[in-house]
PDB file of N, CA and C in Angstrom:
ATOM      1  N   MET A   1     -11.708  11.369  -3.341  1.00  0.00           N
ATOM      2  CA  MET A   1     -10.838  10.056  -2.763  1.00  0.00           C
ATOM      3  C   MET A   1      -9.871  10.266  -1.886  1.00  0.00           C
ATOM      4  N   PHE A   2      -9.647   9.430  -1.160  1.00  0.00           N
ATOM      5  CA  PHE A   2      -8.313   9.381  -0.091  1.00  0.00           C
ATOM      6  C   PHE A   2      -7.212   9.470  -0.948  1.00  0.00           C
ATOM      7  N   SER A   3      -6.961   8.518  -1.914  1.00  0.00           N
ATOM      8  CA  SER A   3      -5.965   8.618  -2.619  1.00  0.00           C
ATOM      9  C   SER A   3      -5.682  10.044  -3.111  1.00  0.00           C
ATOM     10  N   ASN A   4      -6.421  10.799  -3.574  1.00  0.00           N
ATOM     11  CA  ASN A   4      -6.301  12.285  -4.123  1.00  0.00           C
ATOM     12  C   ASN A   4      -5.529  13.103  -3.335  1.00  0.00           C
ATOM     13  N   PHE A   5      -6.208  12.861  -2.109  1.00  0.00           N
ATOM     14  CA  PHE A   5      -6.022  13.812  -0.922  1.00  0.00           C
ATOM     15  C   PHE A   5      -4.396  13.779  -0.471  1.00  0.00           C
ATOM     16  N   LEU A   6      -3.916  12.368  -0.421  1.00  0.00           N
ATOM     17  CA  LEU A   6      -2.637  12.240  -0.401  1.00  0.00           C
ATOM     18  C   LEU A   6      -1.524  12.098  -1.199  1.00  0.00           C
ATOM     19  N   GLY A   7      -2.106  12.557  -2.619  1.00  0.00           N
ATOM     20  CA  GLY A   7      -1.320  12.606  -3.658  1.00  0.00           C
ATOM     21  C   GLY A   7      -0.729  11.320  -4.234  1.00  0.00           C
ATOM     22  N   ALA A   8      -1.486  10.195  -4.119  1.00  0.00           N
ATOM     23  CA  ALA A   8      -0.854   9.009  -4.159  1.00  0.00           C
ATOM     24  C   ALA A   8      -1.327   8.510  -5.733  1.00  0.00           C
ATOM     25  N   LYS A   9      -0.744   7.943  -6.732  1.00  0.00           N
ATOM     26  CA  LYS A   9      -1.085   7.596  -7.845  1.00  0.00           C
ATOM     27  C   LYS A   9      -0.773   6.252  -8.162  1.00  0.00           C
ATOM     28  N   ILE A  10      -1.811   5.616  -8.690  1.00  0.00           N
ATOM     29  CA  ILE A  10      -1.764   4.322  -9.128  1.00  0.00           C
ATOM     30  C   ILE A  10      -1.311   4.359 -10.763  1.00  0.00           C
ATOM     31  N   GLU A  11      -0.009   3.535 -10.798  1.00  0.00           N
ATOM     32  CA  GLU A  11       0.553   3.587 -11.931  1.00  0.00           C
ATOM     33  C   GLU A  11       0.395   2.455 -12.800  1.00  0.00           C
ATOM     34  N   GLU A  12       0.161   1.141 -12.226  1.00  0.00           N
ATOM     35  CA  GLU A  12       0.024   0.045 -12.749  1.00  0.00           C
ATOM     36  C   GLU A  12      -1.057  -0.709 -11.857  1.00  0.00           C
ATOM     37  N   LEU A  13      -1.923  -1.549 -12.843  1.00  0.00           N
ATOM     38  CA  LEU A  13      -2.732  -2.209 -11.835  1.00  0.00           C
ATOM     39  C   LEU A  13      -3.281  -3.315 -12.630  1.00  0.00           C
ATOM     40  N   ASN A  14      -3.433  -4.439 -12.270  1.00  0.00           N
ATOM     41  CA  ASN A  14      -4.146  -5.470 -12.921  1.00  0.00           C
ATOM     42  C   ASN A  14      -4.799  -6.735 -11.761  1.00  0.00           C
ATOM     43  N   GLU A  15      -5.210  -7.627 -11.896  1.00  0.00           N
ATOM     44  CA  GLU A  15      -5.744  -8.535 -11.013  1.00  0.00           C
ATOM     45  C   GLU A  15      -4.563  -9.372 -10.201  1.00  0.00           C
ATOM     46  N   ARG A  16      -3.299  -9.364 -10.829  1.00  0.00           N
ATOM     47  CA  ARG A  16      -2.314 -10.119  -9.950  1.00  0.00           C
ATOM     48  C   ARG A  16      -1.047  -8.670  -9.343  1.00  0.00           C
ATOM     49  N   TYR A  17      -1.033  -7.608  -9.850  1.00  0.00           N
ATOM     50  CA  TYR A  17      -0.030  -6.726  -9.743  1.00  0.00           C
ATOM     51  C   TYR A  17      -0.433  -4.920  -9.674  1.00  0.00           C
ATOM     52  N   VAL A  18       0.112  -4.380  -8.858  1.00  0.00           N
ATOM     53  CA  VAL A  18      -0.366  -2.806  -8.411  1.00  0.00           C
ATOM     54  C   VAL A  18       0.820  -2.197  -7.966  1.00  0.00           C
ATOM     55  N   LYS A  19       0.985  -1.011  -8.702  1.00  0.00           N
ATOM     56  CA  LYS A  19       1.885  -0.294  -8.423  1.00  0.00           C
ATOM     57  C   LYS A  19       1.745   1.099  -8.178  1.00  0.00           C
ATOM     58  N   VAL A  20       1.839   1.501  -6.686  1.00  0.00           N
ATOM     59  CA  VAL A  20       1.311   2.879  -6.403  1.00  0.00           C
ATOM     60  C   VAL A  20       2.453   3.816  -6.148  1.00  0.00           C
ATOM     61  N   LYS A  21       2.499   4.945  -6.456  1.00  0.00           N
ATOM     62  CA  LYS A  21       3.462   6.026  -5.819  1.00  0.00           C
ATOM     63  C   LYS A  21       2.836   7.245  -5.098  1.00  0.00           C
ATOM     64  N   GLY A  22       3.898   7.371  -4.046  1.00  0.00           N
ATOM     65  CA  GLY A  22       3.550   8.894  -3.596  1.00  0.00           C
ATOM     66  C   GLY A  22       4.580   9.517  -2.963  1.00  0.00           C
ATOM     67  N   LYS A  23       4.745  10.867  -2.323  1.00  0.00           N
ATOM     68  CA  LYS A  23       6.066  11.578  -1.829  1.00  0.00           C
ATOM     69  C   LYS A  23       5.667  12.121  -0.610  1.00  0.00           C
ATOM     70  N   VAL A  24       6.653  11.937   0.195  1.00  0.00           N
ATOM     71  CA  VAL A  24       6.377  12.376   1.637  1.00  0.00           C
ATOM     72  C   VAL A  24       6.523  13.680   1.665  1.00  0.00           C
ATOM     73  N   LYS A  25       5.334  14.379   2.245  1.00  0.00           N
ATOM     74  CA  LYS A  25       5.373  15.771   2.501  1.00  0.00           C
ATOM     75  C   LYS A  25       5.568  16.072   3.819  1.00  0.00           C
ATOM     76  N   GLU A  26       5.996  17.715   3.898  1.00  0.00           N
ATOM     77  CA  GLU A  26       6.102  17.930   5.522  1.00  0.00           C
ATOM     78  C   GLU A  26       5.011  17.582   6.628  1.00  0.00           C
ATOM     79  N   GLU A  27       3.449  17.513   5.810  1.00  0.00           N
ATOM     80  CA  GLU A  27       2.491  17.237   6.737  1.00  0.00           C
ATOM     81  C   GLU A  27       2.296  15.864   6.847  1.00  0.00           C
ATOM     82  N   TYR A  28       2.970  14.750   6.307  1.00  0.00           N
ATOM     83  CA  TYR A  28       3.135  13.650   6.992  1.00  0.00           C
ATOM     84  C   TYR A  28       4.274  13.251   7.794  1.00  0.00           C
ATOM     85  N   LEU A  29       4.866  14.028   8.204  1.00  0.00           N
ATOM     86  CA  LEU A  29       6.194  13.658   9.237  1.00  0.00           C
ATOM     87  C   LEU A  29       5.600  13.478  10.577  1.00  0.00           C
ATOM     88  N   ASN A  30       6.183  12.752  11.497  1.00  0.00           N
ATOM     89  CA  ASN A  30       6.180  12.687  12.979  1.00  0.00           C
ATOM     90  C   ASN A  30       7.252  13.431  13.301  1.00  0.00           C
ATOM     91  N   VAL A  31       7.078  13.140  14.902  1.00  0.00           N
ATOM     92  CA  VAL A  31       8.069  13.812  15.791  1.00  0.00           C
ATOM     93  C   VAL A  31       9.397  13.603  15.599  1.00  0.00           C
ATOM     94  N   HIS A  32       9.708  12.548  14.751  1.00  0.00           N
ATOM     95  CA  HIS A  32      11.420  12.291  14.323  1.00  0.00           C
ATOM     96  C   HIS A  32      11.792  12.632  13.178  1.00  0.00           C
ATOM     97  N   ASN A  33      10.810  13.452  12.345  1.00  0.00           N
ATOM     98  CA  ASN A  33      11.002  14.131  11.180  1.00  0.00           C
ATOM     99  C   ASN A  33      11.189  12.904  10.151  1.00  0.00           C
ATOM    100  N   THR A  34      10.603  11.731  10.241  1.00  0.00           N
ATOM    101  CA  THR A  34      10.343  10.754   9.358  1.00  0.00           C
ATOM    102  C   THR A  34       9.130  10.592   8.995  1.00  0.00           C
ATOM    103  N   ALA A  35       8.578   9.676   7.728  1.00  0.00           N
ATOM    104  CA  ALA A  35       7.386   9.908   7.490  1.00  0.00           C
ATOM    105  C   ALA A  35       6.357   8.679   8.341  1.00  0.00           C
ATOM    106  N   HIS A  36       5.281   9.425   8.777  1.00  0.00           N
ATOM    107  CA  HIS A  36       4.462   8.641   9.792  1.00  0.00           C
ATOM    108  C   HIS A  36       3.876   7.375   9.291  1.00  0.00           C
ATOM    109  N   GLY A  37       4.261   6.296  10.398  1.00  0.00           N
ATOM    110  CA  GLY A  37       3.466   5.245   9.583  1.00  0.00           C
ATOM    111  C   GLY A  37       2.257   5.032   9.422  1.00  0.00           C
ATOM    112  N   SER A  38       1.361   5.861   9.504  1.00  0.00           N
ATOM    113  CA  SER A  38       0.344   5.944   8.869  1.00  0.00           C
ATOM    114  C   SER A  38       0.163   6.369   7.623  1.00  0.00           C
ATOM    115  N   TYR A  39       1.141   7.307   7.182  1.00  0.00           N
ATOM    116  CA  TYR A  39       1.054   7.510   5.527  1.00  0.00           C
ATOM    117  C   TYR A  39       1.600   6.393   4.858  1.00  0.00           C
ATOM    118  N   ILE A  40       2.642   5.803   5.461  1.00  0.00           N
ATOM    119  CA  ILE A  40       3.189   4.408   4.671  1.00  0.00           C
ATOM    120  C   ILE A  40       2.181   3.574   4.600  1.00  0.00           C
ATOM    121  N   PHE A  41       1.627   3.288   5.837  1.00  0.00           N
ATOM    122  CA  PHE A  41       0.346   2.294   5.566  1.00  0.00           C
ATOM    123  C   PHE A  41      -0.701   2.627   4.902  1.00  0.00           C
ATOM    124  N   ALA A  42      -1.063   4.254   4.649  1.00  0.00           N
ATOM    125  CA  ALA A  42      -1.942   4.358   3.760  1.00  0.00           C
ATOM    126  C   ALA A  42      -1.713   4.303   2.128  1.00  0.00           C
ATOM    127  N   LEU A  43      -0.425   4.444   2.219  1.00  0.00           N
ATOM    128  CA  LEU A  43      -0.357   4.184   0.524  1.00  0.00           C
ATOM    129  C   LEU A  43      -0.240   2.713   0.285  1.00  0.00           C
ATOM    130  N   ALA A  44       0.126   1.958   1.244  1.00  0.00           N
ATOM    131  CA  ALA A  44      -0.348   0.408   1.081  1.00  0.00           C
ATOM    132  C   ALA A  44      -1.617  -0.034   0.926  1.00  0.00           C
ATOM    133  N   ASP A  45      -2.421   0.541   1.905  1.00  0.00           N
ATOM    134  CA  ASP A  45      -4.059   0.415   1.804  1.00  0.00           C
ATOM    135  C   ASP A  45      -4.321   0.902   0.491  1.00  0.00           C
ATOM    136  N   ILE A  46      -3.879   1.876  -0.224  1.00  0.00           N
ATOM    137  CA  ILE A  46      -4.550   2.268  -1.284  1.00  0.00           C
ATOM    138  C   ILE A  46      -4.134   1.368  -2.642  1.00  0.00           C
ATOM    139  N   ALA A  47      -2.906   0.697  -2.466  1.00  0.00           N
ATOM    140  CA  ALA A  47      -2.780  -0.274  -3.214  1.00  0.00           C
ATOM    141  C   ALA A  47      -3.599  -1.399  -3.257  1.00  0.00           C
ATOM    142  N   PHE A  48      -3.631  -1.791  -1.908  1.00  0.00           N
ATOM    143  CA  PHE A  48      -4.687  -3.010  -1.530  1.00  0.00           C
ATOM    144  C   PHE A  48      -6.132  -2.854  -2.083  1.00  0.00           C
ATOM    145  N   GLU A  49      -6.747  -1.791  -1.593  1.00  0.00           N
ATOM    146  CA  GLU A  49      -8.003  -1.263  -2.170  1.00  0.00           C
ATOM    147  C   GLU A  49      -8.071  -1.535  -3.735  1.00  0.00           C
ATOM    148  N   ALA A  50      -7.230  -0.940  -4.581  1.00  0.00           N
ATOM    149  CA  ALA A  50      -7.153  -1.042  -5.926  1.00  0.00           C
ATOM    150  C   ALA A  50      -7.069  -2.411  -6.379  1.00  0.00           C
ATOM    151  N   ILE A  51      -6.121  -3.333  -6.079  1.00  0.00           N
ATOM    152  CA  ILE A  51      -6.103  -4.791  -6.723  1.00  0.00           C
ATOM    153  C   ILE A  51      -6.875  -5.711  -5.948  1.00  0.00           C
ATOM    154  N   SER A  52      -7.566  -5.571  -4.863  1.00  0.00           N
ATOM    155  CA  SER A  52      -8.433  -6.486  -4.269  1.00  0.00           C
ATOM    156  C   SER A  52      -9.628  -6.131  -4.808  1.00  0.00           C
ATOM    157  N   ASN A  53      -9.928  -4.988  -5.505  1.00  0.00           N
ATOM    158  CA  ASN A  53     -11.401  -4.608  -6.049  1.00  0.00           C
ATOM    159  C   ASN A  53     -11.256  -4.683  -7.436  1.00  0.00           C
ATOM    160  N   TYR A  54     -10.235  -5.121  -8.185  1.00  0.00           N
ATOM    161  CA  TYR A  54      -9.950  -5.112  -9.454  1.00  0.00           C
ATOM    162  C   TYR A  54     -11.063  -6.024 -10.390  1.00  0.00           C
ATOM    163  N   SER A  55     -11.420  -6.968  -9.842  1.00  0.00           N
ATOM    164  CA  SER A  55     -12.198  -7.836 -10.669  1.00  0.00           C
ATOM    165  C   SER A  55     -13.537  -8.054  -9.668  1.00  0.00           C
ATOM    166  N   GLU A  56     -13.306  -7.945  -8.494  1.00  0.00           N
ATOM    167  CA  GLU A  56     -14.716  -8.097  -7.696  1.00  0.00           C
ATOM    168  C   GLU A  56     -14.632  -7.533  -6.608  1.00  0.00           C
ATOM    169  N   LYS A  57     -15.818  -7.064  -6.072  1.00  0.00           N
ATOM    170  CA  LYS A  57     -15.741  -6.220  -4.659  1.00  0.00           C
ATOM    171  C   LYS A  57     -15.446  -6.997  -3.597  1.00  0.00           C
ATOM    172  N   SER A  58     -14.221  -6.248  -2.801  1.00  0.00           N
ATOM    173  CA  SER A  58     -13.836  -7.029  -1.850  1.00  0.00           C
ATOM    174  C   SER A  58     -13.521  -6.018  -0.498  1.00  0.00           C
ATOM    175  N   VAL A  59     -13.284  -6.447   0.662  1.00  0.00           N
ATOM    176  CA  VAL A  59     -12.982  -5.712   2.011  1.00  0.00           C
ATOM    177  C   VAL A  59     -12.021  -6.238   2.426  1.00  0.00           C
ATOM    178  N   ALA A  60     -11.403  -5.621   3.365  1.00  0.00           N
ATOM    179  CA  ALA A  60     -10.227  -5.820   4.151  1.00  0.00           C
ATOM    180  C   ALA A  60     -10.445  -6.559   5.146  1.00  0.00           C
ATOM    181  N   LEU A  61     -10.066  -7.689   5.300  1.00  0.00           N
ATOM    182  CA  LEU A  61     -10.200  -8.628   6.724  1.00  0.00           C
ATOM    183  C   LEU A  61      -8.927  -8.459   7.506  1.00  0.00           C
ATOM    184  N   HIS A  62      -7.637  -8.008   7.175  1.00  0.00           N
ATOM    185  CA  HIS A  62      -6.608  -7.975   7.905  1.00  0.00           C
ATOM    186  C   HIS A  62      -5.483  -7.557   7.450  1.00  0.00           C
ATOM    187  N   MET A  63      -4.610  -6.446   7.945  1.00  0.00           N
ATOM    188  CA  MET A  63      -3.053  -6.047   7.352  1.00  0.00           C
ATOM    189  C   MET A  63      -2.405  -6.205   8.579  1.00  0.00           C
ATOM    190  N   ASP A  64      -0.964  -6.512   7.797  1.00  0.00           N
ATOM    191  CA  ASP A  64      -0.042  -6.828   8.853  1.00  0.00           C
ATOM    192  C   ASP A  64       1.221  -5.999   8.278  1.00  0.00           C
ATOM    193  N   ILE A  65       1.690  -5.063   9.239  1.00  0.00           N
ATOM    194  CA  ILE A  65       2.736  -4.184   8.628  1.00  0.00           C
ATOM    195  C   ILE A  65       3.850  -4.268   9.439  1.00  0.00           C
ATOM    196  N   ASP A  66       5.197  -4.570   8.435  1.00  0.00           N
ATOM    197  CA  ASP A  66       6.333  -4.341   9.412  1.00  0.00           C
ATOM    198  C   ASP A  66       7.182  -3.320   8.641  1.00  0.00           C
ATOM    199  N   PHE A  67       7.671  -2.446   9.350  1.00  0.00           N
ATOM    200  CA  PHE A  67       8.308  -1.119   9.286  1.00  0.00           C
ATOM    201  C   PHE A  67       9.979  -1.549   9.081  1.00  0.00           C
ATOM    202  N   ARG A  68      10.419  -1.414   8.156  1.00  0.00           N
ATOM    203  CA  ARG A  68      12.013  -1.464   8.185  1.00  0.00           C
ATOM    204  C   ARG A  68      12.930  -0.739   8.091  1.00  0.00           C
ATOM    205  N   ASN A  69      12.680   0.655   7.615  1.00  0.00           N
ATOM    206  CA  ASN A  69      13.511   1.734   7.527  1.00  0.00           C
ATOM    207  C   ASN A  69      12.574   3.046   7.299  1.00  0.00           C
ATOM    208  N   PRO A  70      13.239   3.986   7.921  1.00  0.00           N
ATOM    209  CA  PRO A  70      12.583   5.175   7.753  1.00  0.00           C
ATOM    210  C   PRO A  70      12.343   6.046   6.335  1.00  0.00           C
ATOM    211  N   ALA A  71      11.342   6.689   6.269  1.00  0.00           N
ATOM    212  CA  ALA A  71      11.190   7.373   4.704  1.00  0.00           C
ATOM    213  C   ALA A  71      11.083   8.938   5.204  1.00  0.00           C
ATOM    214  N   TYR A  72      11.612   9.750   4.726  1.00  0.00           N
ATOM    215  CA  TYR A  72      12.075  11.245   4.963  1.00  0.00           C
ATOM    216  C   TYR A  72      11.298  12.084   3.991  1.00  0.00           C
ATOM    217  N   LEU A  73      11.153  13.581   4.497  1.00  0.00           N
ATOM    218  CA  LEU A  73      10.692  14.617   3.793  1.00  0.00           C
ATOM    219  C   LEU A  73      11.033  14.802   2.090  1.00  0.00           C
ATOM    220  N   ASN A  74      10.294  14.685   1.176  1.00  0.00           N
ATOM    221  CA  ASN A  74      10.232  14.236  -0.252  1.00  0.00           C
ATOM    222  C   ASN A  74      11.077  13.149  -0.875  1.00  0.00           C
ATOM    223  N   ASP A  75      11.074  12.130   0.039  1.00  0.00           N
ATOM    224  CA  ASP A  75      11.081  10.899  -0.520  1.00  0.00           C
ATOM    225  C   ASP A  75      10.058  10.104  -1.296  1.00  0.00           C
ATOM    226  N   GLU A  76      10.508   9.632  -2.588  1.00  0.00           N
ATOM    227  CA  GLU A  76       9.322   9.285  -3.267  1.00  0.00           C
ATOM    228  C   GLU A  76       9.109   7.741  -3.095  1.00  0.00           C
ATOM    229  N   LEU A  77       8.158   7.363  -2.701  1.00  0.00           N
ATOM    230  CA  LEU A  77       7.957   5.876  -2.241  1.00  0.00           C
ATOM    231  C   LEU A  77       7.087   5.082  -3.586  1.00  0.00           C
ATOM    232  N   THR A  78       7.381   3.816  -3.575  1.00  0.00           N
ATOM    233  CA  THR A  78       6.894   3.198  -4.350  1.00  0.00           C
ATOM    234  C   THR A  78       6.018   1.751  -3.666  1.00  0.00           C
ATOM    235  N   VAL A  79       4.573   1.882  -3.971  1.00  0.00           N
ATOM    236  CA  VAL A  79       4.267   0.108  -3.238  1.00  0.00           C
ATOM    237  C   VAL A  79       4.048  -0.409  -4.406  1.00  0.00           C
ATOM    238  N   GLU A  80       4.541  -1.834  -4.177  1.00  0.00           N
ATOM    239  CA  GLU A  80       4.349  -2.945  -5.144  1.00  0.00           C
ATOM    240  C   GLU A  80       3.663  -3.800  -4.601  1.00  0.00           C
ATOM    241  N   GLY A  81       2.460  -4.518  -5.072  1.00  0.00           N
ATOM    242  CA  GLY A  81       1.539  -4.948  -4.282  1.00  0.00           C
ATOM    243  C   GLY A  81       1.314  -6.498  -5.496  1.00  0.00           C
ATOM    244  N   PHE A  82       1.434  -7.570  -4.768  1.00  0.00           N
ATOM    245  CA  PHE A  82       1.321  -8.737  -5.705  1.00  0.00           C
ATOM    246  C   PHE A  82       0.157  -9.799  -5.035  1.00  0.00           C
ATOM    247  N   LEU A  83      -0.708 -10.392  -5.868  1.00  0.00           N
ATOM    248  CA  LEU A  83      -1.429 -11.574  -5.522  1.00  0.00           C
ATOM    249  C   LEU A  83      -0.852 -12.547  -5.029  1.00  0.00           C
ATOM    250  N   GLU A  84      -1.024 -13.381  -3.841  1.00  0.00           N
ATOM    251  CA  GLU A  84      -0.412 -14.607  -3.395  1.00  0.00           C
ATOM    252  C   GLU A  84      -0.911 -15.517  -3.542  1.00  0.00           C
ATOM    253  N   SER A  85      -2.358 -15.606  -3.303  1.00  0.00           N
ATOM    254  CA  SER A  85      -3.088 -16.643  -3.653  1.00  0.00           C
ATOM    255  C   SER A  85      -4.813 -16.332  -3.551  1.00  0.00           C
ATOM    256  N   LYS A  86      -5.439 -16.760  -4.397  1.00  0.00           N
ATOM    257  CA  LYS A  86      -6.918 -16.421  -4.401  1.00  0.00           C
ATOM    258  C   LYS A  86      -7.685 -17.594  -4.369  1.00  0.00           C
ATOM    259  N   GLY A  87      -8.752 -17.392  -3.219  1.00  0.00           N
ATOM    260  CA  GLY A  87      -9.747 -18.281  -2.935  1.00  0.00           C
ATOM    261  C   GLY A  87     -11.041 -18.015  -3.452  1.00  0.00           C
ATOM    262  N   ASN A  88     -12.209 -18.783  -3.121  1.00  0.00           N
ATOM    263  CA  ASN A  88     -13.244 -18.603  -3.480  1.00  0.00           C
ATOM    264  C   ASN A  88     -13.941 -17.356  -2.439  1.00  0.00           C
ATOM    265  N   LYS A  89     -13.659 -17.316  -1.357  1.00  0.00           N
ATOM    266  CA  LYS A  89     -14.075 -16.268  -0.439  1.00  0.00           C
ATOM    267  C   LYS A  89     -12.974 -15.288  -0.115  1.00  0.00           C
ATOM    268  N   THR A  90     -11.912 -15.684  -0.119  1.00  0.00           N
ATOM    269  CA  THR A  90     -10.659 -14.440   0.292  1.00  0.00           C
ATOM    270  C   THR A  90      -9.217 -14.554  -0.528  1.00  0.00           C
ATOM    271  N   SER A  91      -8.781 -13.557  -0.432  1.00  0.00           N
ATOM    272  CA  SER A  91      -7.501 -13.472  -1.401  1.00  0.00           C
ATOM    273  C   SER A  91      -6.346 -13.111  -0.291  1.00  0.00           C
ATOM    274  N   LEU A  92      -4.996 -13.287  -0.408  1.00  0.00           N
ATOM    275  CA  LEU A  92      -3.689 -12.832   0.296  1.00  0.00           C
ATOM    276  C   LEU A  92      -2.847 -12.239  -1.149  1.00  0.00           C
ATOM    277  N   TYR A  93      -2.542 -10.910  -0.234  1.00  0.00           N
ATOM    278  CA  TYR A  93      -1.672 -10.054  -1.244  1.00  0.00           C
ATOM    279  C   TYR A  93      -0.636  -9.737  -0.206  1.00  0.00           C
ATOM    280  N   ARG A  94       0.363  -9.272  -1.241  1.00  0.00           N
ATOM    281  CA  ARG A  94       1.733  -9.010  -0.336  1.00  0.00           C
ATOM    282  C   ARG A  94       2.334  -7.697  -1.116  1.00  0.00           C
ATOM    283  N   PHE A  95       2.651  -6.691  -0.296  1.00  0.00           N
ATOM    284  CA  PHE A  95       2.972  -5.513  -0.635  1.00  0.00           C
ATOM    285  C   PHE A  95       4.230  -5.272  -0.348  1.00  0.00           C
ATOM    286  N   VAL A  96       5.211  -4.345  -1.077  1.00  0.00           N
ATOM    287  CA  VAL A  96       6.439  -3.841  -0.399  1.00  0.00           C
ATOM    288  C   VAL A  96       6.563  -2.342  -0.710  1.00  0.00           C
ATOM    289  N   VAL A  97       7.091  -1.544   0.120  1.00  0.00           N
ATOM    290  CA  VAL A  97       7.246   0.042   0.193  1.00  0.00           C
ATOM    291  C   VAL A  97       8.328  -0.102   0.168  1.00  0.00           C
ATOM    292  N   LYS A  98       8.910   0.811  -0.951  1.00  0.00           N
ATOM    293  CA  LYS A  98      10.224   1.320  -1.069  1.00  0.00           C
ATOM    294  C   LYS A  98      10.655   2.636  -1.384  1.00  0.00           C
ATOM    295  N   ARG A  99      12.020   3.133  -1.304  1.00  0.00           N
ATOM    296  CA  ARG A  99      12.371   3.938  -1.695  1.00  0.00           C
ATOM    297  C   ARG A  99      13.532   3.884  -2.321  1.00  0.00           C
ATOM    298  N   LYS A 100      13.465   4.237  -3.727  1.00  0.00           N
ATOM    299  CA  LYS A 100      14.486   3.203  -4.572  1.00  0.00           C
ATOM    300  C   LYS A 100      14.701   1.951  -4.506  1.00  0.00           C
ATOM    301  N   GLU A 101      15.727   1.611  -3.927  1.00  0.00           N
ATOM    302  CA  GLU A 101      16.156   0.295  -3.856  1.00  0.00           C
ATOM    303  C   GLU A 101      15.983  -0.325  -1.887  1.00  0.00           C
ATOM    304  N   ASP A 102      15.869   0.990  -1.239  1.00  0.00           N
ATOM    305  CA  ASP A 102      15.468   0.751   0.233  1.00  0.00           C
ATOM    306  C   ASP A 102      14.358   0.181   0.759  1.00  0.00           C
ATOM    307  N   MET A 103      14.175  -1.142   1.290  1.00  0.00           N
ATOM    308  CA  MET A 103      12.720  -1.204   1.574  1.00  0.00           C
ATOM    309  C   MET A 103      12.568  -0.484   3.055  1.00  0.00           C
ATOM    310  N   ILE A 104      11.270   0.103   2.796  1.00  0.00           N
ATOM    311  CA  ILE A 104      10.693   1.108   3.997  1.00  0.00           C
ATOM    312  C   ILE A 104       9.571   0.127   4.688  1.00  0.00           C
ATOM    313  N   ALA A 105       8.823  -0.803   4.107  1.00  0.00           N
ATOM    314  CA  ALA A 105       7.637  -1.590   4.626  1.00  0.00           C
ATOM    315  C   ALA A 105       7.343  -2.740   4.121  1.00  0.00           C
ATOM    316  N   GLU A 106       6.712  -3.827   4.541  1.00  0.00           N
ATOM    317  CA  GLU A 106       6.376  -4.889   3.896  1.00  0.00           C
ATOM    318  C   GLU A 106       5.012  -5.200   4.674  1.00  0.00           C
ATOM    319  N   ILE A 107       3.942  -5.734   3.919  1.00  0.00           N
ATOM    320  CA  ILE A 107       2.715  -5.507   4.014  1.00  0.00           C
ATOM    321  C   ILE A 107       2.012  -6.997   3.781  1.00  0.00           C
ATOM    322  N   LEU A 108       1.391  -7.778   4.431  1.00  0.00           N
ATOM    323  CA  LEU A 108       0.243  -9.048   4.181  1.00  0.00           C
ATOM    324  C   LEU A 108      -0.851  -8.520   4.305  1.00  0.00           C
ATOM    325  N   ALA A 109      -2.060  -8.614   3.364  1.00  0.00           N
ATOM    326  CA  ALA A 109      -3.243  -8.341   3.679  1.00  0.00           C
ATOM    327  C   ALA A 109      -4.033  -9.455   3.245  1.00  0.00           C
ATOM    328  N   LEU A 110      -5.137  -9.581   3.999  1.00  0.00           N
ATOM    329  CA  LEU A 110      -6.262 -10.591   3.474  1.00  0.00           C
ATOM    330  C   LEU A 110      -7.409  -9.809   3.277  1.00  0.00           C
ATOM    331  N   ALA A 111      -7.867 -10.237   2.196  1.00  0.00           N
ATOM    332  CA  ALA A 111      -9.391  -9.597   1.554  1.00  0.00           C
ATOM    333  C   ALA A 111     -10.482 -10.526   1.544  1.00  0.00           C
ATOM    334  N   TYR A 112     -11.480 -10.294   1.826  1.00  0.00           N
ATOM    335  CA  TYR A 112     -12.844 -11.216   1.664  1.00  0.00           C
ATOM    336  C   TYR A 112     -13.662 -10.497   0.379  1.00  0.00           C
ATOM    337  N   HIS A 113     -14.047 -11.417  -0.639  1.00  0.00           N
ATOM    338  CA  HIS A 113     -14.733 -11.266  -1.499  1.00  0.00           C
ATOM    339  C   HIS A 113     -16.361 -11.186  -1.324  1.00  0.00           C
ATOM    340  N   ILE A 114     -16.674 -10.074  -1.529  1.00  0.00           N
ATOM    341  CA  ILE A 114     -18.345  -9.788  -1.261  1.00  0.00           C
ATOM    342  C   ILE A 114     -19.156 -10.590  -2.786  1.00  0.00           C
ATOM    343  N   ARG A 115     -20.077 -11.266  -2.376  1.00  0.00           N
ATOM    344  CA  ARG A 115     -20.612 -11.946  -3.230  1.00  0.00           C
ATOM    345  C   ARG A 115     -22.102 -11.498  -3.336  1.00  0.00           C
TER     346      ARG A 115
END
């Protein structure tokens, strides 16, 4: 699984909440020696996959990310995800990526439920 490849760990998971942790490795750095945006996005996407498929099969329709602060080599990142609203066909989720108390990124994600 992709999460294993990145060393991401799902620490908590239920229908309304997910927590994923990951550590910035040298391979994940960009030309500025900060965590590549795709790594930060991937951690959020792993959390999205877990929570949106918790009780039914779902696929991503849209994800919107706002980067707030850089992450650095060896930073421990935590993604917390929350179910914002659940409908018959779609659900909206909010994710926050943090390093301790510092916000790294915020993500809104829309899932489509496969029936």
